[in-house]
Amino acid sequence: MTTPLTSNNIPSHGPARYRATAHGLQVVIPNRCPSGRHVLTSETCRIYETVDTLHITCPSCANDPKVESTWSLTTHGRTAQSAVFENLP
């Protein structure tokens, strides 16, 4: 069974990271999909929020039920003005 792109039943991978910039709060997004196979950019992934969770989905991995395709990061209600992709540990 494949998890739909709009599912909010994905367990969290941990809290979202934020940084303050001159333009406001910025959320830091992993630049690789959870499987590590693909580089994520604003053109190569889908980013959406459900309640207190930010989801970053790799469409290239989404159709493979054996591969984790979505990062789910808890936001605790914080709202960022922008996002940046970064190589995270």
C-alpha atoms as a PDB file:
ATOM      1  CA  MET A   1       0.000   0.000   0.000  1.00  0.00           C
ATOM      2  CA  THR A   2       1.343   3.431  -0.925  1.00  0.00           C
ATOM      3  CA  THR A   3       0.888   6.387   1.422  1.00  0.00           C
ATOM      4  CA  PRO A   4      -0.901   9.191  -0.457  1.00  0.00           C
ATOM      5  CA  LEU A   5       0.920  12.504  -0.803  1.00  0.00           C
ATOM      6  CA  THR A   6      -1.741  14.200   1.323  1.00  0.00           C
ATOM      7  CA  SER A   7      -1.615  11.742   4.233  1.00  0.00           C
ATOM      8  CA  ASN A   8      -0.996  13.176   7.693  1.00  0.00           C
ATOM      9  CA  ASN A   9      -0.491   9.747   9.304  1.00  0.00           C
ATOM     10  CA  ILE A  10       3.276   9.800   8.794  1.00  0.00           C
ATOM     11  CA  PRO A  11       5.252   9.660  12.066  1.00  0.00           C
ATOM     12  CA  SER A  12       7.459  12.661  12.812  1.00  0.00           C
ATOM     13  CA  HIS A  13      11.198  12.525  12.174  1.00  0.00           C
ATOM     14  CA  GLY A  14      11.714  15.164  14.854  1.00  0.00           C
ATOM     15  CA  PRO A  15      11.362  18.924  15.232  1.00  0.00           C
ATOM     16  CA  ALA A  16      11.830  21.333  12.340  1.00  0.00           C
ATOM     17  CA  ARG A  17      14.921  23.516  12.579  1.00  0.00           C
ATOM     18  CA  TYR A  18      14.589  27.279  12.267  1.00  0.00           C
ATOM     19  CA  ARG A  19      16.932  30.235  11.989  1.00  0.00           C
ATOM     20  CA  ALA A  20      16.354  33.945  12.287  1.00  0.00           C
ATOM     21  CA  THR A  21      17.296  36.034   9.247  1.00  0.00           C
ATOM     22  CA  ALA A  22      16.963  39.700   8.360  1.00  0.00           C
ATOM     23  CA  HIS A  23      13.742  38.740   6.542  1.00  0.00           C
ATOM     24  CA  GLY A  24      12.187  36.800   9.423  1.00  0.00           C
ATOM     25  CA  LEU A  25      12.061  33.194  10.557  1.00  0.00           C
ATOM     26  CA  GLN A  26      13.358  30.609   8.074  1.00  0.00           C
ATOM     27  CA  VAL A  27      12.690  26.861   8.272  1.00  0.00           C
ATOM     28  CA  VAL A  28      15.611  24.576   7.363  1.00  0.00           C
ATOM     29  CA  ILE A  29      14.595  21.684   5.092  1.00  0.00           C
ATOM     30  CA  PRO A  30      16.714  18.566   4.380  1.00  0.00           C
ATOM     31  CA  ASN A  31      18.164  18.728   0.869  1.00  0.00           C
ATOM     32  CA  ARG A  32      17.934  14.958   0.295  1.00  0.00           C
ATOM     33  CA  CYS A  33      14.912  12.672   0.455  1.00  0.00           C
ATOM     34  CA  PRO A  34      14.714  10.246   3.425  1.00  0.00           C
ATOM     35  CA  SER A  35      16.080   7.419   1.251  1.00  0.00           C
ATOM     36  CA  GLY A  36      19.063   9.606   0.290  1.00  0.00           C
ATOM     37  CA  ARG A  37      18.548   8.868  -3.409  1.00  0.00           C
ATOM     38  CA  HIS A  38      17.386  12.290  -4.617  1.00  0.00           C
ATOM     39  CA  VAL A  39      18.326  15.925  -4.086  1.00  0.00           C
ATOM     40  CA  LEU A  40      15.321  17.985  -2.995  1.00  0.00           C
ATOM     41  CA  THR A  41      14.656  21.478  -4.328  1.00  0.00           C
ATOM     42  CA  SER A  42      11.540  23.622  -4.588  1.00  0.00           C
ATOM     43  CA  GLU A  43      11.036  22.101  -8.062  1.00  0.00           C
ATOM     44  CA  THR A  44      11.681  18.460  -7.099  1.00  0.00           C
ATOM     45  CA  CYS A  45       9.602  18.009  -3.944  1.00  0.00           C
ATOM     46  CA  ARG A  46       6.205  18.773  -2.467  1.00  0.00           C
ATOM     47  CA  ILE A  47       6.042  20.718   0.798  1.00  0.00           C
ATOM     48  CA  TYR A  48       2.836  21.015   2.815  1.00  0.00           C
ATOM     49  CA  GLU A  49       1.691  21.483   6.414  1.00  0.00           C
ATOM     50  CA  THR A  50      -0.884  19.594   8.469  1.00  0.00           C
ATOM     51  CA  VAL A  51      -1.721  21.063  11.884  1.00  0.00           C
ATOM     52  CA  ASP A  52       1.732  21.141  13.600  1.00  0.00           C
ATOM     53  CA  THR A  53       3.753  19.126  11.068  1.00  0.00           C
ATOM     54  CA  LEU A  54       5.699  20.125   7.973  1.00  0.00           C
ATOM     55  CA  HIS A  55       5.841  17.380   5.305  1.00  0.00           C
ATOM     56  CA  ILE A  56       8.462  17.294   2.543  1.00  0.00           C
ATOM     57  CA  THR A  57       7.708  14.565  -0.021  1.00  0.00           C
ATOM     58  CA  CYS A  58       9.962  13.228  -2.761  1.00  0.00           C
ATOM     59  CA  PRO A  59       7.669  12.380  -5.713  1.00  0.00           C
ATOM     60  CA  SER A  60      10.391  10.167  -7.219  1.00  0.00           C
ATOM     61  CA  CYS A  61      10.211   7.859  -4.172  1.00  0.00           C
ATOM     62  CA  ALA A  62       6.465   8.195  -3.449  1.00  0.00           C
ATOM     63  CA  ASN A  63       5.393   5.325  -5.719  1.00  0.00           C
ATOM     64  CA  ASP A  64       7.826   2.814  -4.199  1.00  0.00           C
ATOM     65  CA  PRO A  65       6.230   1.241  -1.091  1.00  0.00           C
ATOM     66  CA  LYS A  66       9.639  -0.068   0.067  1.00  0.00           C
ATOM     67  CA  VAL A  67      11.180   3.402   0.291  1.00  0.00           C
ATOM     68  CA  GLU A  68      10.456   6.151   2.799  1.00  0.00           C
ATOM     69  CA  SER A  69       9.522   9.192   0.707  1.00  0.00           C
ATOM     70  CA  THR A  70       8.453  11.899   3.166  1.00  0.00           C
ATOM     71  CA  TRP A  71      10.192  13.903   5.863  1.00  0.00           C
ATOM     72  CA  SER A  72       7.727  14.895   8.606  1.00  0.00           C
ATOM     73  CA  LEU A  73       8.997  17.600  10.950  1.00  0.00           C
ATOM     74  CA  THR A  74       7.044  18.981  13.908  1.00  0.00           C
ATOM     75  CA  THR A  75       6.606  22.761  13.885  1.00  0.00           C
ATOM     76  CA  HIS A  76       4.918  23.252  17.286  1.00  0.00           C
ATOM     77  CA  GLY A  77       2.837  26.002  15.662  1.00  0.00           C
ATOM     78  CA  ARG A  78       5.805  28.059  14.434  1.00  0.00           C
ATOM     79  CA  THR A  79       5.372  29.745  11.058  1.00  0.00           C
ATOM     80  CA  ALA A  80       8.333  30.588   8.839  1.00  0.00           C
ATOM     81  CA  GLN A  81       8.440  33.375   6.276  1.00  0.00           C
ATOM     82  CA  SER A  82      10.793  31.361   4.045  1.00  0.00           C
ATOM     83  CA  ALA A  83      12.583  28.042   3.712  1.00  0.00           C
ATOM     84  CA  VAL A  84      16.092  26.956   2.839  1.00  0.00           C
ATOM     85  CA  PHE A  85      17.333  23.538   1.721  1.00  0.00           C
ATOM     86  CA  GLU A  86      20.408  22.413   3.620  1.00  0.00           C
ATOM     87  CA  ASN A  87      22.468  19.270   4.056  1.00  0.00           C
ATOM     88  CA  LEU A  88      21.368  18.160   7.529  1.00  0.00           C
ATOM     89  CA  PRO A  89      22.928  15.394   9.644  1.00  0.00           C
END
